[in-house]
C-alpha cells in the first residue's frame, strides 16, 4: 500500500448566492482598508491522508468520494490535488481551538 495526501477544494458554483461570502466581503475594508474588494466567495478545503494500492486507484476513489460525499454537487464544484507522501497525517495537524494558532490576530 502507498500513502497519499489529497487536498480537496469545494466551492459554490458561480450561480449560487454566497451570503456568508458577501457578509465577509462587506467587512473586509475594516481590516484591510487599502484593498478594494470585488468578490469574495467562501468554500472549504479538506486535507485527507489515506492509503491505496496505487496512484490510479487513489485517483479513481477520490473522484467517487469527492463527488458523492465531500461536495454537494447540486450547488458545489470540486477539484483536488493528489500527491504520494511518506506522511500519515497523524501528528502533523494542530488544533487552533487549543490556542495553538500562530496567526497574529490570535496573539494575546
N, C-alpha and C. Protein backbone atom coordinates (compact mmCIF):
# COMPACT_ATOMS: atom_id res chain seq x y z
N UNK A 1 0.83 -1.18 0.00
CA UNK A 1 0.00 0.00 0.00
C UNK A 1 0.88 1.25 0.00
N UNK A 2 0.46 2.26 -0.74
CA UNK A 2 1.16 3.53 -0.79
C UNK A 2 0.36 4.57 -0.02
N UNK A 3 1.06 5.56 0.50
CA UNK A 3 0.41 6.64 1.27
C UNK A 3 0.19 7.84 0.35
N UNK A 4 -0.96 8.47 0.52
CA UNK A 4 -1.32 9.62 -0.30
C UNK A 4 -1.87 10.74 0.57
N UNK A 5 -1.77 11.95 0.05
CA UNK A 5 -2.43 13.11 0.64
C UNK A 5 -3.22 13.79 -0.48
N UNK A 6 -4.49 14.04 -0.19
CA UNK A 6 -5.34 14.79 -1.12
C UNK A 6 -5.73 16.10 -0.47
N UNK A 7 -5.68 17.14 -1.24
CA UNK A 7 -6.17 18.46 -0.82
C UNK A 7 -7.39 18.72 -1.70
N UNK A 8 -8.58 18.63 -1.12
CA UNK A 8 -9.83 18.73 -1.87
C UNK A 8 -10.39 20.14 -1.70
N UNK A 9 -10.68 20.78 -2.82
CA UNK A 9 -11.24 22.14 -2.82
C UNK A 9 -12.70 22.06 -3.24
N UNK A 10 -13.59 22.60 -2.40
CA UNK A 10 -15.02 22.61 -2.69
C UNK A 10 -15.47 24.06 -2.72
N UNK A 11 -16.10 24.44 -3.82
CA UNK A 11 -16.54 25.83 -3.99
C UNK A 11 -17.98 25.87 -4.47
N UNK A 12 -18.69 26.91 -4.01
CA UNK A 12 -20.04 27.13 -4.52
C UNK A 12 -19.96 27.46 -6.00
N UNK A 13 -20.92 26.98 -6.75
CA UNK A 13 -21.00 27.33 -8.17
C UNK A 13 -21.28 28.82 -8.29
N UNK A 14 -20.83 29.41 -9.37
CA UNK A 14 -20.99 30.85 -9.58
C UNK A 14 -22.44 31.32 -9.54
N UNK A 15 -23.36 30.45 -9.92
CA UNK A 15 -24.78 30.82 -9.95
C UNK A 15 -25.44 30.75 -8.58
N UNK A 16 -24.72 30.27 -7.57
CA UNK A 16 -25.28 30.11 -6.22
C UNK A 16 -24.89 31.30 -5.36
N UNK A 17 -25.88 31.90 -4.71
CA UNK A 17 -25.63 33.03 -3.83
C UNK A 17 -24.79 32.61 -2.63
N UNK A 18 -23.81 33.42 -2.27
CA UNK A 18 -22.93 33.13 -1.13
C UNK A 18 -23.13 34.21 -0.07
N UNK A 19 -24.15 34.03 0.77
CA UNK A 19 -24.48 35.03 1.79
C UNK A 19 -23.31 35.23 2.76
N UNK A 20 -22.67 34.14 3.18
CA UNK A 20 -21.54 34.27 4.11
C UNK A 20 -20.38 35.01 3.45
N UNK A 21 -20.10 34.69 2.20
CA UNK A 21 -19.04 35.39 1.47
C UNK A 21 -19.35 36.86 1.31
N UNK A 22 -20.60 37.20 1.03
CA UNK A 22 -20.99 38.60 0.88
C UNK A 22 -20.82 39.35 2.20
N UNK A 23 -21.20 38.72 3.31
CA UNK A 23 -21.07 39.36 4.62
C UNK A 23 -19.61 39.62 4.96
N UNK A 24 -18.75 38.65 4.69
CA UNK A 24 -17.32 38.84 4.96
C UNK A 24 -16.76 39.93 4.05
N UNK A 25 -17.10 39.87 2.76
CA UNK A 25 -16.58 40.87 1.82
C UNK A 25 -16.99 42.28 2.23
N UNK A 26 -18.23 42.44 2.71
CA UNK A 26 -18.71 43.77 3.10
C UNK A 26 -17.95 44.34 4.29
N UNK A 27 -17.21 43.50 5.01
CA UNK A 27 -16.46 43.96 6.17
C UNK A 27 -14.95 43.94 5.97
N UNK A 28 -14.48 43.55 4.80
CA UNK A 28 -13.04 43.48 4.57
C UNK A 28 -12.37 44.84 4.67
N UNK A 29 -13.07 45.89 4.31
CA UNK A 29 -12.44 47.23 4.35
C UNK A 29 -12.13 47.69 5.77
N UNK A 30 -12.77 47.09 6.76
CA UNK A 30 -12.45 47.43 8.15
C UNK A 30 -11.09 46.86 8.56
N UNK A 31 -10.74 45.69 8.05
CA UNK A 31 -9.50 45.01 8.40
C UNK A 31 -8.37 45.40 7.45
N UNK A 32 -8.70 45.51 6.17
CA UNK A 32 -7.69 45.81 5.15
C UNK A 32 -8.19 46.97 4.29
N UNK A 33 -8.16 48.21 4.83
CA UNK A 33 -8.76 49.34 4.14
C UNK A 33 -8.08 49.74 2.83
N UNK A 34 -6.88 49.26 2.58
CA UNK A 34 -6.18 49.61 1.34
C UNK A 34 -6.53 48.67 0.19
N UNK A 35 -7.36 47.68 0.44
CA UNK A 35 -7.82 46.77 -0.61
C UNK A 35 -9.21 47.17 -1.06
N UNK A 36 -9.47 47.02 -2.36
CA UNK A 36 -10.81 47.25 -2.91
C UNK A 36 -11.39 45.89 -3.28
N UNK A 37 -12.35 45.43 -2.49
CA UNK A 37 -12.93 44.11 -2.71
C UNK A 37 -13.88 44.11 -3.89
N UNK A 38 -13.73 43.13 -4.76
CA UNK A 38 -14.63 42.95 -5.89
C UNK A 38 -15.53 41.72 -5.71
N UNK A 39 -14.96 40.65 -5.19
CA UNK A 39 -15.72 39.43 -5.00
C UNK A 39 -15.02 38.58 -3.95
N UNK A 40 -15.78 37.98 -3.06
CA UNK A 40 -15.24 37.06 -2.07
C UNK A 40 -16.23 35.92 -1.94
N UNK A 41 -15.76 34.70 -2.15
CA UNK A 41 -16.59 33.51 -2.04
C UNK A 41 -15.96 32.60 -1.00
N UNK A 42 -16.76 31.99 -0.17
CA UNK A 42 -16.25 31.10 0.86
C UNK A 42 -16.51 29.66 0.43
N UNK A 43 -15.45 28.87 0.50
CA UNK A 43 -15.54 27.45 0.18
C UNK A 43 -14.92 26.66 1.32
N UNK A 44 -14.49 25.46 1.00
CA UNK A 44 -13.80 24.66 2.01
C UNK A 44 -12.65 23.91 1.36
N UNK A 45 -11.67 23.62 2.17
CA UNK A 45 -10.51 22.87 1.74
C UNK A 45 -10.35 21.71 2.72
N UNK A 46 -10.29 20.51 2.20
CA UNK A 46 -10.25 19.30 3.03
C UNK A 46 -8.90 18.62 2.83
N UNK A 47 -8.15 18.43 3.94
CA UNK A 47 -6.90 17.66 3.92
C UNK A 47 -7.26 16.22 4.22
N UNK A 48 -6.81 15.30 3.37
CA UNK A 48 -7.17 13.90 3.56
C UNK A 48 -5.95 13.01 3.28
N UNK A 49 -5.50 12.31 4.31
CA UNK A 49 -4.40 11.36 4.18
C UNK A 49 -5.00 9.96 4.15
N UNK A 50 -4.52 9.12 3.24
CA UNK A 50 -5.06 7.76 3.13
C UNK A 50 -4.06 6.85 2.43
N UNK A 51 -4.39 5.58 2.37
CA UNK A 51 -3.55 4.61 1.69
C UNK A 51 -4.35 3.94 0.58
N UNK A 52 -3.67 3.60 -0.52
CA UNK A 52 -4.28 2.90 -1.65
C UNK A 52 -3.21 2.06 -2.33
N UNK A 53 -3.65 1.13 -3.15
CA UNK A 53 -2.70 0.25 -3.83
C UNK A 53 -1.76 0.99 -4.76
N UNK A 54 -2.30 1.99 -5.50
CA UNK A 54 -1.50 2.72 -6.47
C UNK A 54 -2.17 4.07 -6.76
N UNK A 55 -1.49 4.90 -7.55
CA UNK A 55 -1.98 6.25 -7.84
C UNK A 55 -3.32 6.21 -8.57
N UNK A 56 -3.46 5.29 -9.53
CA UNK A 56 -4.70 5.21 -10.31
C UNK A 56 -5.91 4.87 -9.43
N UNK A 57 -5.70 3.94 -8.49
CA UNK A 57 -6.78 3.59 -7.55
C UNK A 57 -7.11 4.77 -6.66
N UNK A 58 -6.07 5.45 -6.15
CA UNK A 58 -6.29 6.62 -5.30
C UNK A 58 -7.09 7.69 -6.04
N UNK A 59 -6.72 7.94 -7.28
CA UNK A 59 -7.40 8.95 -8.09
C UNK A 59 -8.85 8.56 -8.36
N UNK A 60 -9.07 7.32 -8.74
CA UNK A 60 -10.43 6.85 -9.03
C UNK A 60 -11.33 6.94 -7.80
N UNK A 61 -10.81 6.50 -6.66
CA UNK A 61 -11.61 6.53 -5.43
C UNK A 61 -11.83 7.97 -4.95
N UNK A 62 -10.86 8.85 -5.14
CA UNK A 62 -11.02 10.26 -4.76
C UNK A 62 -12.11 10.92 -5.60
N UNK A 63 -12.20 10.55 -6.87
CA UNK A 63 -13.27 11.09 -7.72
C UNK A 63 -14.63 10.70 -7.17
N UNK A 64 -14.78 9.45 -6.78
CA UNK A 64 -16.05 8.97 -6.23
C UNK A 64 -16.35 9.65 -4.90
N UNK A 65 -15.35 9.68 -4.01
CA UNK A 65 -15.53 10.28 -2.68
C UNK A 65 -15.89 11.76 -2.78
N UNK A 66 -15.17 12.49 -3.62
CA UNK A 66 -15.43 13.93 -3.77
C UNK A 66 -16.82 14.18 -4.32
N UNK A 67 -17.21 13.38 -5.31
CA UNK A 67 -18.49 13.59 -6.00
C UNK A 67 -19.69 13.15 -5.16
N UNK A 68 -19.51 12.13 -4.33
CA UNK A 68 -20.66 11.59 -3.61
C UNK A 68 -20.73 11.97 -2.13
N UNK A 69 -19.60 12.47 -1.57
CA UNK A 69 -19.63 12.76 -0.14
C UNK A 69 -19.09 14.12 0.23
N UNK A 70 -17.97 14.53 -0.33
CA UNK A 70 -17.32 15.75 0.13
C UNK A 70 -17.94 17.02 -0.41
N UNK A 71 -18.63 16.93 -1.54
CA UNK A 71 -19.27 18.11 -2.13
C UNK A 71 -20.75 17.84 -2.37
N UNK A 72 -21.54 18.89 -2.25
CA UNK A 72 -22.94 18.83 -2.64
C UNK A 72 -22.98 19.25 -4.10
N UNK A 73 -22.97 18.29 -5.01
CA UNK A 73 -22.81 18.60 -6.44
C UNK A 73 -24.00 19.32 -7.06
N UNK A 74 -25.06 19.53 -6.29
CA UNK A 74 -26.18 20.33 -6.79
C UNK A 74 -25.77 21.80 -6.83
N UNK A 75 -24.96 22.23 -5.83
CA UNK A 75 -24.59 23.64 -5.74
C UNK A 75 -23.08 23.88 -5.69
N UNK A 76 -22.28 22.80 -5.60
CA UNK A 76 -20.84 22.97 -5.44
C UNK A 76 -20.06 22.22 -6.52
N UNK A 77 -18.90 22.77 -6.85
CA UNK A 77 -17.93 22.11 -7.70
C UNK A 77 -16.75 21.71 -6.85
N UNK A 78 -16.00 20.72 -7.28
CA UNK A 78 -14.84 20.28 -6.51
C UNK A 78 -13.67 19.99 -7.44
N UNK A 79 -12.50 20.07 -6.85
CA UNK A 79 -11.27 19.66 -7.52
C UNK A 79 -10.32 19.22 -6.41
N UNK A 80 -9.24 18.56 -6.77
CA UNK A 80 -8.30 18.16 -5.75
C UNK A 80 -6.89 18.05 -6.32
N UNK A 81 -5.93 18.15 -5.41
CA UNK A 81 -4.54 17.87 -5.70
C UNK A 81 -4.23 16.56 -4.98
N UNK A 82 -3.57 15.64 -5.65
CA UNK A 82 -3.27 14.34 -5.07
C UNK A 82 -1.78 14.08 -5.18
N UNK A 83 -1.15 13.74 -4.06
CA UNK A 83 0.28 13.50 -4.03
C UNK A 83 0.59 12.26 -3.22
N UNK A 84 1.56 11.50 -3.69
CA UNK A 84 2.07 10.40 -2.88
C UNK A 84 2.96 11.01 -1.80
N UNK A 85 2.93 10.46 -0.59
CA UNK A 85 3.65 11.03 0.53
C UNK A 85 4.17 9.93 1.44
N UNK A 86 5.07 10.27 2.30
CA UNK A 86 5.52 9.35 3.34
C UNK A 86 4.79 9.62 4.65
N UNK A 87 4.08 10.74 4.73
CA UNK A 87 3.38 11.15 5.94
C UNK A 87 2.06 10.41 6.09
N UNK A 88 1.61 10.27 7.31
CA UNK A 88 0.30 9.68 7.58
C UNK A 88 -0.74 10.73 7.93
N UNK A 89 -0.28 11.95 8.23
CA UNK A 89 -1.18 13.00 8.68
C UNK A 89 -1.31 13.02 10.19
N UNK A 90 -1.08 11.89 10.82
CA UNK A 90 -1.19 11.80 12.27
C UNK A 90 -0.03 12.55 12.90
N UNK A 91 -0.36 13.50 13.78
CA UNK A 91 0.67 14.27 14.46
C UNK A 91 1.15 15.48 13.67
N UNK A 92 0.60 15.70 12.46
CA UNK A 92 1.03 16.82 11.64
C UNK A 92 0.06 18.00 11.69
N UNK A 93 -1.02 17.87 12.41
CA UNK A 93 -2.07 18.88 12.44
C UNK A 93 -2.15 19.50 13.83
N UNK A 94 -2.28 20.84 13.88
CA UNK A 94 -2.51 21.50 15.15
C UNK A 94 -3.97 21.89 15.24
N UNK A 95 -4.45 22.10 16.43
CA UNK A 95 -5.85 22.43 16.66
C UNK A 95 -5.92 23.85 17.20
N UNK A 96 -6.39 24.79 16.38
CA UNK A 96 -6.46 26.19 16.81
C UNK A 96 -7.41 26.39 17.98
N UNK A 97 -8.35 25.49 18.18
CA UNK A 97 -9.24 25.60 19.33
C UNK A 97 -8.49 25.41 20.63
N UNK A 98 -7.31 24.83 20.56
CA UNK A 98 -6.49 24.60 21.75
C UNK A 98 -5.56 25.79 22.00
N UNK A 99 -5.73 26.87 21.26
CA UNK A 99 -4.91 28.07 21.46
C UNK A 99 -3.51 27.96 20.85
N UNK A 100 -3.38 27.15 19.82
CA UNK A 100 -2.05 26.95 19.23
C UNK A 100 -1.83 27.76 17.96
N UNK A 101 -2.78 28.61 17.59
CA UNK A 101 -2.65 29.36 16.34
C UNK A 101 -1.43 30.26 16.37
N UNK A 102 -0.77 30.32 15.24
CA UNK A 102 0.41 31.19 15.09
C UNK A 102 0.05 32.49 14.38
N UNK A 103 -1.22 32.71 14.14
CA UNK A 103 -1.66 33.90 13.42
C UNK A 103 -1.67 35.12 14.35
N UNK A 104 -1.24 36.25 13.85
CA UNK A 104 -1.12 37.46 14.65
C UNK A 104 -2.45 37.90 15.27
N UNK A 105 -3.56 37.62 14.60
CA UNK A 105 -4.86 38.02 15.14
C UNK A 105 -5.19 37.31 16.44
N UNK A 106 -4.56 36.15 16.68
CA UNK A 106 -4.87 35.37 17.86
C UNK A 106 -3.86 35.58 18.99
N UNK A 107 -2.84 36.41 18.73
CA UNK A 107 -1.85 36.68 19.78
C UNK A 107 -2.49 37.52 20.88
N UNK A 108 -2.10 37.24 22.10
CA UNK A 108 -2.68 37.99 23.24
C UNK A 108 -2.03 39.35 23.39
